[in-house]
Amino acid sequence: MAEEFVYRQIQGGKVVVFMKPTCPYCKRAQELLNQLPFKRGFLEFVDITTWDDTDSIQNYFQVLTGAKTVPRIFFGKDCIGGYTDLVTLQQKGELLPRLKQMGALQ
């Protein structure tokens, strides 16, 4: 069930951030990404606490990405990691080019 849930969310070539509303790193990732000029429908935040079994989702993240922490940030089907990884991409000047290459930005 968790695998199907995650798989459904990361379809469509958009940026998907799996998060928990109480997580400070999730909030920071959301703030950073919300500053960028995304095209409509290319940025989605998925609150995993609305799911009955968040542990199963996070356990699947461990299998899929090597880490079970949130946020788990996907560019399409590619997991870039968490908040620190997102900031690293930004600091290296790689974030905007990657998002442009996806066609996610205006």
PDB file of N, CA and C in Angstrom:
ATOM      1  N   MET A   1       0.817  -1.208   0.000  1.00  0.00           N
ATOM      2  CA  MET A   1       0.000   0.000   0.000  1.00  0.00           C
ATOM      3  C   MET A   1       0.857   1.267   0.000  1.00  0.00           C
ATOM      4  N   ALA A   2       1.879   1.329   0.852  1.00  0.00           N
ATOM      5  CA  ALA A   2       2.741   2.515   0.905  1.00  0.00           C
ATOM      6  C   ALA A   2       3.460   2.697  -0.421  1.00  0.00           C
ATOM      7  N   GLU A   3       3.928   1.592  -0.995  1.00  0.00           N
ATOM      8  CA  GLU A   3       4.641   1.666  -2.271  1.00  0.00           C
ATOM      9  C   GLU A   3       3.741   2.256  -3.349  1.00  0.00           C
ATOM     10  N   GLU A   4       2.514   1.794  -3.399  1.00  0.00           N
ATOM     11  CA  GLU A   4       1.552   2.287  -4.391  1.00  0.00           C
ATOM     12  C   GLU A   4       1.257   3.772  -4.164  1.00  0.00           C
ATOM     13  N   PHE A   5       1.091   4.160  -2.901  1.00  0.00           N
ATOM     14  CA  PHE A   5       0.815   5.554  -2.554  1.00  0.00           C
ATOM     15  C   PHE A   5       1.949   6.462  -3.033  1.00  0.00           C
ATOM     16  N   VAL A   6       3.179   6.107  -2.712  1.00  0.00           N
ATOM     17  CA  VAL A   6       4.343   6.909  -3.103  1.00  0.00           C
ATOM     18  C   VAL A   6       4.464   6.932  -4.623  1.00  0.00           C
ATOM     19  N   TYR A   7       4.351   5.781  -5.249  1.00  0.00           N
ATOM     20  CA  TYR A   7       4.489   5.676  -6.703  1.00  0.00           C
ATOM     21  C   TYR A   7       3.477   6.580  -7.420  1.00  0.00           C
ATOM     22  N   ARG A   8       2.234   6.579  -6.940  1.00  0.00           N
ATOM     23  CA  ARG A   8       1.192   7.417  -7.553  1.00  0.00           C
ATOM     24  C   ARG A   8       1.542   8.895  -7.448  1.00  0.00           C
ATOM     25  N   GLN A   9       2.130   9.291  -6.331  1.00  0.00           N
ATOM     26  CA  GLN A   9       2.446  10.700  -6.107  1.00  0.00           C
ATOM     27  C   GLN A   9       3.575  11.207  -6.995  1.00  0.00           C
ATOM     28  N   ILE A  10       4.549  10.349  -7.285  1.00  0.00           N
ATOM     29  CA  ILE A  10       5.743  10.830  -8.002  1.00  0.00           C
ATOM     30  C   ILE A  10       5.645  10.684  -9.521  1.00  0.00           C
ATOM     31  N   GLN A  11       4.482  10.373 -10.004  1.00  0.00           N
ATOM     32  CA  GLN A  11       4.256  10.313 -11.454  1.00  0.00           C
ATOM     33  C   GLN A  11       4.041  11.710 -12.000  1.00  0.00           C
ATOM     34  N   GLY A  12       4.337  11.910 -13.250  1.00  0.00           N
ATOM     35  CA  GLY A  12       3.975  13.159 -13.904  1.00  0.00           C
ATOM     36  C   GLY A  12       5.074  14.195 -14.010  1.00  0.00           C
ATOM     37  N   GLY A  13       6.289  13.869 -13.630  1.00  0.00           N
ATOM     38  CA  GLY A  13       7.393  14.786 -13.855  1.00  0.00           C
ATOM     39  C   GLY A  13       7.344  16.076 -13.064  1.00  0.00           C
ATOM     40  N   LYS A  14       6.786  16.045 -11.868  1.00  0.00           N
ATOM     41  CA  LYS A  14       6.709  17.250 -11.044  1.00  0.00           C
ATOM     42  C   LYS A  14       7.610  17.094  -9.818  1.00  0.00           C
ATOM     43  N   VAL A  15       7.733  18.152  -9.048  1.00  0.00           N
ATOM     44  CA  VAL A  15       8.460  18.107  -7.788  1.00  0.00           C
ATOM     45  C   VAL A  15       7.459  17.756  -6.699  1.00  0.00           C
ATOM     46  N   VAL A  16       7.769  16.693  -5.960  1.00  0.00           N
ATOM     47  CA  VAL A  16       6.898  16.254  -4.878  1.00  0.00           C
ATOM     48  C   VAL A  16       7.712  16.211  -3.592  1.00  0.00           C
ATOM     49  N   VAL A  17       7.170  16.839  -2.562  1.00  0.00           N
ATOM     50  CA  VAL A  17       7.814  16.857  -1.256  1.00  0.00           C
ATOM     51  C   VAL A  17       6.912  16.124  -0.276  1.00  0.00           C
ATOM     52  N   PHE A  18       7.373  14.979   0.192  1.00  0.00           N
ATOM     53  CA  PHE A  18       6.651  14.250   1.231  1.00  0.00           C
ATOM     54  C   PHE A  18       7.076  14.851   2.560  1.00  0.00           C
ATOM     55  N   MET A  19       6.097  15.217   3.384  1.00  0.00           N
ATOM     56  CA  MET A  19       6.411  15.985   4.582  1.00  0.00           C
ATOM     57  C   MET A  19       5.449  15.693   5.729  1.00  0.00           C
ATOM     58  N   LYS A  20       5.818  16.204   6.887  1.00  0.00           N
ATOM     59  CA  LYS A  20       4.944  16.237   8.054  1.00  0.00           C
ATOM     60  C   LYS A  20       4.834  17.703   8.463  1.00  0.00           C
ATOM     61  N   PRO A  21       3.627  18.172   8.790  1.00  0.00           N
ATOM     62  CA  PRO A  21       3.446  19.599   9.071  1.00  0.00           C
ATOM     63  C   PRO A  21       4.211  20.097  10.302  1.00  0.00           C
ATOM     64  N   THR A  22       4.575  19.212  11.213  1.00  0.00           N
ATOM     65  CA  THR A  22       5.282  19.635  12.421  1.00  0.00           C
ATOM     66  C   THR A  22       6.801  19.604  12.266  1.00  0.00           C
ATOM     67  N   CYS A  23       7.303  19.148  11.138  1.00  0.00           N
ATOM     68  CA  CYS A  23       8.735  18.995  10.903  1.00  0.00           C
ATOM     69  C   CYS A  23       9.352  20.329  10.477  1.00  0.00           C
ATOM     70  N   PRO A  24      10.329  20.851  11.235  1.00  0.00           N
ATOM     71  CA  PRO A  24      10.926  22.136  10.860  1.00  0.00           C
ATOM     72  C   PRO A  24      11.676  22.087   9.523  1.00  0.00           C
ATOM     73  N   TYR A  25      12.310  20.973   9.195  1.00  0.00           N
ATOM     74  CA  TYR A  25      13.012  20.867   7.915  1.00  0.00           C
ATOM     75  C   TYR A  25      12.028  20.818   6.751  1.00  0.00           C
ATOM     76  N   CYS A  26      10.881  20.222   6.977  1.00  0.00           N
ATOM     77  CA  CYS A  26       9.826  20.207   5.952  1.00  0.00           C
ATOM     78  C   CYS A  26       9.341  21.624   5.678  1.00  0.00           C
ATOM     79  N   LYS A  27       9.154  22.389   6.741  1.00  0.00           N
ATOM     80  CA  LYS A  27       8.704  23.778   6.593  1.00  0.00           C
ATOM     81  C   LYS A  27       9.733  24.602   5.837  1.00  0.00           C
ATOM     82  N   ARG A  28      11.016  24.378   6.132  1.00  0.00           N
ATOM     83  CA  ARG A  28      12.075  25.120   5.437  1.00  0.00           C
ATOM     84  C   ARG A  28      12.121  24.762   3.960  1.00  0.00           C
ATOM     85  N   ALA A  29      11.971  23.479   3.665  1.00  0.00           N
ATOM     86  CA  ALA A  29      11.953  23.043   2.260  1.00  0.00           C
ATOM     87  C   ALA A  29      10.776  23.679   1.537  1.00  0.00           C
ATOM     88  N   GLN A  30       9.631  23.708   2.197  1.00  0.00           N
ATOM     89  CA  GLN A  30       8.433  24.304   1.607  1.00  0.00           C
ATOM     90  C   GLN A  30       8.649  25.793   1.354  1.00  0.00           C
ATOM     91  N   GLU A  31       9.243  26.493   2.314  1.00  0.00           N
ATOM     92  CA  GLU A  31       9.503  27.919   2.150  1.00  0.00           C
ATOM     93  C   GLU A  31      10.457  28.172   0.986  1.00  0.00           C
ATOM     94  N   LEU A  32      11.525  27.396   0.904  1.00  0.00           N
ATOM     95  CA  LEU A  32      12.509  27.570  -0.165  1.00  0.00           C
ATOM     96  C   LEU A  32      11.870  27.340  -1.533  1.00  0.00           C
ATOM     97  N   LEU A  33      11.152  26.242  -1.669  1.00  0.00           N
ATOM     98  CA  LEU A  33      10.556  25.903  -2.959  1.00  0.00           C
ATOM     99  C   LEU A  33       9.428  26.860  -3.344  1.00  0.00           C
ATOM    100  N   ASN A  34       8.688  27.343  -2.362  1.00  0.00           N
ATOM    101  CA  ASN A  34       7.592  28.273  -2.655  1.00  0.00           C
ATOM    102  C   ASN A  34       8.085  29.617  -3.172  1.00  0.00           C
ATOM    103  N   GLN A  35       9.372  29.918  -3.016  1.00  0.00           N
ATOM    104  CA  GLN A  35       9.944  31.162  -3.523  1.00  0.00           C
ATOM    105  C   GLN A  35      10.243  31.094  -5.015  1.00  0.00           C
ATOM    106  N   LEU A  36      10.219  29.896  -5.576  1.00  0.00           N
ATOM    107  CA  LEU A  36      10.595  29.711  -6.975  1.00  0.00           C
ATOM    108  C   LEU A  36       9.367  29.794  -7.884  1.00  0.00           C
ATOM    109  N   PRO A  37       9.570  30.223  -9.129  1.00  0.00           N
ATOM    110  CA  PRO A  37       8.433  30.427 -10.048  1.00  0.00           C
ATOM    111  C   PRO A  37       7.981  29.129 -10.738  1.00  0.00           C
ATOM    112  N   PHE A  38       7.406  28.224  -9.970  1.00  0.00           N
ATOM    113  CA  PHE A  38       6.923  26.964 -10.534  1.00  0.00           C
ATOM    114  C   PHE A  38       5.705  27.194 -11.410  1.00  0.00           C
ATOM    115  N   LYS A  39       5.624  26.424 -12.478  1.00  0.00           N
ATOM    116  CA  LYS A  39       4.402  26.391 -13.277  1.00  0.00           C
ATOM    117  C   LYS A  39       3.329  25.722 -12.429  1.00  0.00           C
ATOM    118  N   ARG A  40       2.113  26.070 -12.709  1.00  0.00           N
ATOM    119  CA  ARG A  40       0.982  25.485 -11.986  1.00  0.00           C
ATOM    120  C   ARG A  40       1.005  23.959 -12.130  1.00  0.00           C
ATOM    121  N   GLY A  41       0.882  23.268 -11.007  1.00  0.00           N
ATOM    122  CA  GLY A  41       0.812  21.813 -11.013  1.00  0.00           C
ATOM    123  C   GLY A  41       2.162  21.100 -10.992  1.00  0.00           C
ATOM    124  N   PHE A  42       3.264  21.848 -10.946  1.00  0.00           N
ATOM    125  CA  PHE A  42       4.589  21.231 -10.965  1.00  0.00           C
ATOM    126  C   PHE A  42       5.247  21.157  -9.589  1.00  0.00           C
ATOM    127  N   LEU A  43       4.554  21.590  -8.545  1.00  0.00           N
ATOM    128  CA  LEU A  43       5.062  21.504  -7.185  1.00  0.00           C
ATOM    129  C   LEU A  43       3.941  21.021  -6.289  1.00  0.00           C
ATOM    130  N   GLU A  44       4.218  19.938  -5.573  1.00  0.00           N
ATOM    131  CA  GLU A  44       3.193  19.371  -4.699  1.00  0.00           C
ATOM    132  C   GLU A  44       3.811  18.988  -3.364  1.00  0.00           C
ATOM    133  N   PHE A  45       3.110  19.339  -2.298  1.00  0.00           N
ATOM    134  CA  PHE A  45       3.506  18.956  -0.952  1.00  0.00           C
ATOM    135  C   PHE A  45       2.513  17.912  -0.462  1.00  0.00           C
ATOM    136  N   VAL A  46       3.033  16.760  -0.044  1.00  0.00           N
ATOM    137  CA  VAL A  46       2.181  15.657   0.388  1.00  0.00           C
ATOM    138  C   VAL A  46       2.399  15.430   1.876  1.00  0.00           C
ATOM    139  N   ASP A  47       1.369  15.697   2.653  1.00  0.00           N
ATOM    140  CA  ASP A  47       1.405  15.493   4.099  1.00  0.00           C
ATOM    141  C   ASP A  47       1.169  14.007   4.377  1.00  0.00           C
ATOM    142  N   ILE A  48       2.224  13.313   4.796  1.00  0.00           N
ATOM    143  CA  ILE A  48       2.082  11.867   5.009  1.00  0.00           C
ATOM    144  C   ILE A  48       1.315  11.541   6.285  1.00  0.00           C
ATOM    145  N   THR A  49       1.072  12.541   7.148  1.00  0.00           N
ATOM    146  CA  THR A  49       0.318  12.263   8.373  1.00  0.00           C
ATOM    147  C   THR A  49      -1.164  12.065   8.095  1.00  0.00           C
ATOM    148  N   THR A  50      -1.602  12.361   6.885  1.00  0.00           N
ATOM    149  CA  THR A  50      -2.999  12.109   6.530  1.00  0.00           C
ATOM    150  C   THR A  50      -3.209  10.643   6.166  1.00  0.00           C
ATOM    151  N   TRP A  51      -2.124   9.912   6.024  1.00  0.00           N
ATOM    152  CA  TRP A  51      -2.148   8.482   5.712  1.00  0.00           C
ATOM    153  C   TRP A  51      -2.291   7.699   7.010  1.00  0.00           C
ATOM    154  N   ASP A  52      -3.007   6.586   6.986  1.00  0.00           N
ATOM    155  CA  ASP A  52      -3.247   5.796   8.184  1.00  0.00           C
ATOM    156  C   ASP A  52      -1.966   5.267   8.831  1.00  0.00           C
ATOM    157  N   ASP A  53      -0.985   4.901   8.020  1.00  0.00           N
ATOM    158  CA  ASP A  53       0.221   4.269   8.550  1.00  0.00           C
ATOM    159  C   ASP A  53       1.473   4.981   8.034  1.00  0.00           C
ATOM    160  N   THR A  54       1.835   6.077   8.703  1.00  0.00           N
ATOM    161  CA  THR A  54       3.004   6.844   8.270  1.00  0.00           C
ATOM    162  C   THR A  54       4.285   6.026   8.381  1.00  0.00           C
ATOM    163  N   ASP A  55       4.334   5.110   9.345  1.00  0.00           N
ATOM    164  CA  ASP A  55       5.533   4.275   9.498  1.00  0.00           C
ATOM    165  C   ASP A  55       5.789   3.446   8.249  1.00  0.00           C
ATOM    166  N   SER A  56       4.741   2.914   7.648  1.00  0.00           N
ATOM    167  CA  SER A  56       4.939   2.098   6.447  1.00  0.00           C
ATOM    168  C   SER A  56       5.454   2.946   5.290  1.00  0.00           C
ATOM    169  N   ILE A  57       5.002   4.191   5.204  1.00  0.00           N
ATOM    170  CA  ILE A  57       5.500   5.093   4.158  1.00  0.00           C
ATOM    171  C   ILE A  57       6.971   5.395   4.395  1.00  0.00           C
ATOM    172  N   GLN A  58       7.317   5.715   5.632  1.00  0.00           N
ATOM    173  CA  GLN A  58       8.707   6.039   5.925  1.00  0.00           C
ATOM    174  C   GLN A  58       9.609   4.812   5.790  1.00  0.00           C
ATOM    175  N   ASN A  59       9.103   3.651   6.107  1.00  0.00           N
ATOM    176  CA  ASN A  59       9.878   2.421   5.889  1.00  0.00           C
ATOM    177  C   ASN A  59      10.102   2.185   4.393  1.00  0.00           C
ATOM    178  N   TYR A  60       9.110   2.514   3.582  1.00  0.00           N
ATOM    179  CA  TYR A  60       9.276   2.382   2.139  1.00  0.00           C
ATOM    180  C   TYR A  60      10.274   3.409   1.621  1.00  0.00           C
ATOM    181  N   PHE A  61      10.266   4.618   2.183  1.00  0.00           N
ATOM    182  CA  PHE A  61      11.280   5.606   1.809  1.00  0.00           C
ATOM    183  C   PHE A  61      12.683   5.047   2.054  1.00  0.00           C
ATOM    184  N   GLN A  62      12.852   4.341   3.167  1.00  0.00           N
ATOM    185  CA  GLN A  62      14.157   3.746   3.486  1.00  0.00           C
ATOM    186  C   GLN A  62      14.588   2.784   2.383  1.00  0.00           C
ATOM    187  N   VAL A  63      13.661   1.958   1.934  1.00  0.00           N
ATOM    188  CA  VAL A  63      13.952   0.986   0.872  1.00  0.00           C
ATOM    189  C   VAL A  63      14.241   1.710  -0.447  1.00  0.00           C
ATOM    190  N   LEU A  64      13.409   2.696  -0.762  1.00  0.00           N
ATOM    191  CA  LEU A  64      13.484   3.382  -2.049  1.00  0.00           C
ATOM    192  C   LEU A  64      14.652   4.360  -2.146  1.00  0.00           C
ATOM    193  N   THR A  65      14.920   5.080  -1.050  1.00  0.00           N
ATOM    194  CA  THR A  65      15.873   6.200  -1.121  1.00  0.00           C
ATOM    195  C   THR A  65      17.080   6.073  -0.199  1.00  0.00           C
ATOM    196  N   GLY A  66      17.043   5.108   0.707  1.00  0.00           N
ATOM    197  CA  GLY A  66      18.146   4.955   1.649  1.00  0.00           C
ATOM    198  C   GLY A  66      17.975   5.757   2.931  1.00  0.00           C
ATOM    199  N   ALA A  67      16.871   6.483   3.056  1.00  0.00           N
ATOM    200  CA  ALA A  67      16.586   7.245   4.275  1.00  0.00           C
ATOM    201  C   ALA A  67      15.080   7.295   4.482  1.00  0.00           C
ATOM    202  N   LYS A  68      14.669   7.276   5.743  1.00  0.00           N
ATOM    203  CA  LYS A  68      13.235   7.293   6.016  1.00  0.00           C
ATOM    204  C   LYS A  68      12.744   8.633   6.548  1.00  0.00           C
ATOM    205  N   THR A  69      13.664   9.575   6.689  1.00  0.00           N
ATOM    206  CA  THR A  69      13.292  10.872   7.238  1.00  0.00           C
ATOM    207  C   THR A  69      12.524  11.716   6.217  1.00  0.00           C
ATOM    208  N   VAL A  70      11.807  12.698   6.733  1.00  0.00           N
ATOM    209  CA  VAL A  70      11.141  13.677   5.892  1.00  0.00           C
ATOM    210  C   VAL A  70      11.798  15.024   6.144  1.00  0.00           C
ATOM    211  N   PRO A  71      11.785  15.905   5.160  1.00  0.00           N
ATOM    212  CA  PRO A  71      11.136  15.710   3.881  1.00  0.00           C
ATOM    213  C   PRO A  71      11.913  14.744   2.986  1.00  0.00           C
ATOM    214  N   ARG A  72      11.188  14.065   2.131  1.00  0.00           N
ATOM    215  CA  ARG A  72      11.758  13.284   1.020  1.00  0.00           C
ATOM    216  C   ARG A  72      11.324  14.047  -0.215  1.00  0.00           C
ATOM    217  N   ILE A  73      12.279  14.537  -0.970  1.00  0.00           N
ATOM    218  CA  ILE A  73      12.001  15.417  -2.099  1.00  0.00           C
ATOM    219  C   ILE A  73      12.312  14.682  -3.397  1.00  0.00           C
ATOM    220  N   PHE A  74      11.313  14.628  -4.264  1.00  0.00           N
ATOM    221  CA  PHE A  74      11.451  13.949  -5.552  1.00  0.00           C
ATOM    222  C   PHE A  74      11.340  14.956  -6.679  1.00  0.00           C
ATOM    223  N   PHE A  75      12.246  14.852  -7.633  1.00  0.00           N
ATOM    224  CA  PHE A  75      12.155  15.561  -8.904  1.00  0.00           C
ATOM    225  C   PHE A  75      11.737  14.491  -9.896  1.00  0.00           C
ATOM    226  N   GLY A  76      10.449  14.439 -10.183  1.00  0.00           N
ATOM    227  CA  GLY A  76       9.931  13.316 -10.957  1.00  0.00           C
ATOM    228  C   GLY A  76      10.093  12.066 -10.105  1.00  0.00           C
ATOM    229  N   LYS A  77      10.638  11.015 -10.683  1.00  0.00           N
ATOM    230  CA  LYS A  77      10.831   9.762  -9.947  1.00  0.00           C
ATOM    231  C   LYS A  77      12.173   9.711  -9.225  1.00  0.00           C
ATOM    232  N   ASP A  78      12.974  10.771  -9.364  1.00  0.00           N
ATOM    233  CA  ASP A  78      14.308  10.826  -8.791  1.00  0.00           C
ATOM    234  C   ASP A  78      14.276  11.516  -7.435  1.00  0.00           C
ATOM    235  N   CYS A  79      14.636  10.797  -6.384  1.00  0.00           N
ATOM    236  CA  CYS A  79      14.702  11.398  -5.051  1.00  0.00           C
ATOM    237  C   CYS A  79      16.027  12.138  -4.911  1.00  0.00           C
ATOM    238  N   ILE A  80      15.943  13.430  -4.627  1.00  0.00           N
ATOM    239  CA  ILE A  80      17.170  14.208  -4.448  1.00  0.00           C
ATOM    240  C   ILE A  80      17.616  14.181  -2.990  1.00  0.00           C
ATOM    241  N   GLY A  81      16.778  13.667  -2.102  1.00  0.00           N
ATOM    242  CA  GLY A  81      17.115  13.574  -0.681  1.00  0.00           C
ATOM    243  C   GLY A  81      16.169  14.404   0.158  1.00  0.00           C
ATOM    244  N   GLY A  82      16.749  15.076   1.157  1.00  0.00           N
ATOM    245  CA  GLY A  82      15.961  15.880   2.081  1.00  0.00           C
ATOM    246  C   GLY A  82      16.295  17.352   1.964  1.00  0.00           C
ATOM    247  N   TYR A  83      16.002  18.095   3.032  1.00  0.00           N
ATOM    248  CA  TYR A  83      16.198  19.540   3.019  1.00  0.00           C
ATOM    249  C   TYR A  83      17.653  19.921   2.787  1.00  0.00           C
ATOM    250  N   THR A  84      18.568  19.265   3.484  1.00  0.00           N
ATOM    251  CA  THR A  84      19.993  19.591   3.341  1.00  0.00           C
ATOM    252  C   THR A  84      20.455  19.388   1.907  1.00  0.00           C
ATOM    253  N   ASP A  85      19.974  18.328   1.270  1.00  0.00           N
ATOM    254  CA  ASP A  85      20.331  18.057  -0.125  1.00  0.00           C
ATOM    255  C   ASP A  85      19.767  19.140  -1.052  1.00  0.00           C
ATOM    256  N   LEU A  86      18.573  19.606  -0.756  1.00  0.00           N
ATOM    257  CA  LEU A  86      17.954  20.676  -1.530  1.00  0.00           C
ATOM    258  C   LEU A  86      18.786  21.955  -1.431  1.00  0.00           C
ATOM    259  N   VAL A  87      19.194  22.304  -0.210  1.00  0.00           N
ATOM    260  CA  VAL A  87      20.006  23.498   0.005  1.00  0.00           C
ATOM    261  C   VAL A  87      21.361  23.361  -0.691  1.00  0.00           C
ATOM    262  N   THR A  88      21.938  22.180  -0.642  1.00  0.00           N
ATOM    263  CA  THR A  88      23.215  21.938  -1.320  1.00  0.00           C
ATOM    264  C   THR A  88      23.086  22.173  -2.822  1.00  0.00           C
ATOM    265  N   LEU A  89      22.006  21.665  -3.422  1.00  0.00           N
ATOM    266  CA  LEU A  89      21.761  21.914  -4.848  1.00  0.00           C
ATOM    267  C   LEU A  89      21.664  23.410  -5.124  1.00  0.00           C
ATOM    268  N   GLN A  90      20.968  24.121  -4.245  1.00  0.00           N
ATOM    269  CA  GLN A  90      20.806  25.556  -4.433  1.00  0.00           C
ATOM    270  C   GLN A  90      22.157  26.263  -4.317  1.00  0.00           C
ATOM    271  N   GLN A  91      22.945  25.917  -3.315  1.00  0.00           N
ATOM    272  CA  GLN A  91      24.231  26.570  -3.091  1.00  0.00           C
ATOM    273  C   GLN A  91      25.217  26.304  -4.230  1.00  0.00           C
ATOM    274  N   LYS A  92      25.125  25.136  -4.839  1.00  0.00           N
ATOM    275  CA  LYS A  92      25.997  24.801  -5.963  1.00  0.00           C
ATOM    276  C   LYS A  92      25.511  25.407  -7.280  1.00  0.00           C
ATOM    277  N   GLY A  93      24.348  26.050  -7.251  1.00  0.00           N
ATOM    278  CA  GLY A  93      23.797  26.637  -8.467  1.00  0.00           C
ATOM    279  C   GLY A  93      23.167  25.603  -9.386  1.00  0.00           C
ATOM    280  N   GLU A  94      22.826  24.445  -8.851  1.00  0.00           N
ATOM    281  CA  GLU A  94      22.276  23.360  -9.667  1.00  0.00           C
ATOM    282  C   GLU A  94      20.757  23.223  -9.569  1.00  0.00           C
ATOM    283  N   LEU A  95      20.154  23.876  -8.583  1.00  0.00           N
ATOM    284  CA  LEU A  95      18.716  23.704  -8.360  1.00  0.00           C
ATOM    285  C   LEU A  95      17.893  24.257  -9.522  1.00  0.00           C
ATOM    286  N   LEU A  96      18.081  25.531  -9.852  1.00  0.00           N
ATOM    287  CA  LEU A  96      17.283  26.141 -10.923  1.00  0.00           C
ATOM    288  C   LEU A  96      17.498  25.465 -12.273  1.00  0.00           C
ATOM    289  N   PRO A  97      18.755  25.159 -12.668  1.00  0.00           N
ATOM    290  CA  PRO A  97      18.931  24.462 -13.944  1.00  0.00           C
ATOM    291  C   PRO A  97      18.206  23.111 -13.992  1.00  0.00           C
ATOM    292  N   ARG A  98      18.228  22.388 -12.878  1.00  0.00           N
ATOM    293  CA  ARG A  98      17.529  21.096 -12.867  1.00  0.00           C
ATOM    294  C   ARG A  98      16.028  21.269 -13.003  1.00  0.00           C
ATOM    295  N   LEU A  99      15.493  22.237 -12.312  1.00  0.00           N
ATOM    296  CA  LEU A  99      14.057  22.482 -12.394  1.00  0.00           C
ATOM    297  C   LEU A  99      13.659  22.982 -13.782  1.00  0.00           C
ATOM    298  N   LYS A 100      14.507  23.804 -14.381  1.00  0.00           N
ATOM    299  CA  LYS A 100      14.242  24.266 -15.747  1.00  0.00           C
ATOM    300  C   LYS A 100      14.297  23.105 -16.734  1.00  0.00           C
ATOM    301  N   GLN A 101      15.259  22.223 -16.543  1.00  0.00           N
ATOM    302  CA  GLN A 101      15.390  21.056 -17.421  1.00  0.00           C
ATOM    303  C   GLN A 101      14.137  20.174 -17.344  1.00  0.00           C
ATOM    304  N   MET A 102      13.527  20.105 -16.166  1.00  0.00           N
ATOM    305  CA  MET A 102      12.277  19.342 -15.993  1.00  0.00           C
ATOM    306  C   MET A 102      11.095  20.039 -16.641  1.00  0.00           C
ATOM    307  N   GLY A 103      11.241  21.333 -16.914  1.00  0.00           N
ATOM    308  CA  GLY A 103      10.117  22.115 -17.418  1.00  0.00           C
ATOM    309  C   GLY A 103       9.178  22.555 -16.314  1.00  0.00           C
ATOM    310  N   ALA A 104       9.689  22.594 -15.080  1.00  0.00           N
ATOM    311  CA  ALA A 104       8.838  22.898 -13.925  1.00  0.00           C
ATOM    312  C   ALA A 104       8.694  24.380 -13.645  1.00  0.00           C
ATOM    313  N   LEU A 105       9.591  25.194 -14.210  1.00  0.00           N
ATOM    314  CA  LEU A 105       9.565  26.622 -13.895  1.00  0.00           C
ATOM    315  C   LEU A 105       8.965  27.445 -15.030  1.00  0.00           C
ATOM    316  N   GLN A 106       8.397  28.593 -14.637  1.00  0.00           N
ATOM    317  CA  GLN A 106       7.815  29.507 -15.629  1.00  0.00           C
ATOM    318  C   GLN A 106       8.908  30.197 -16.410  1.00  0.00           C
TER     319      GLN A 106
END
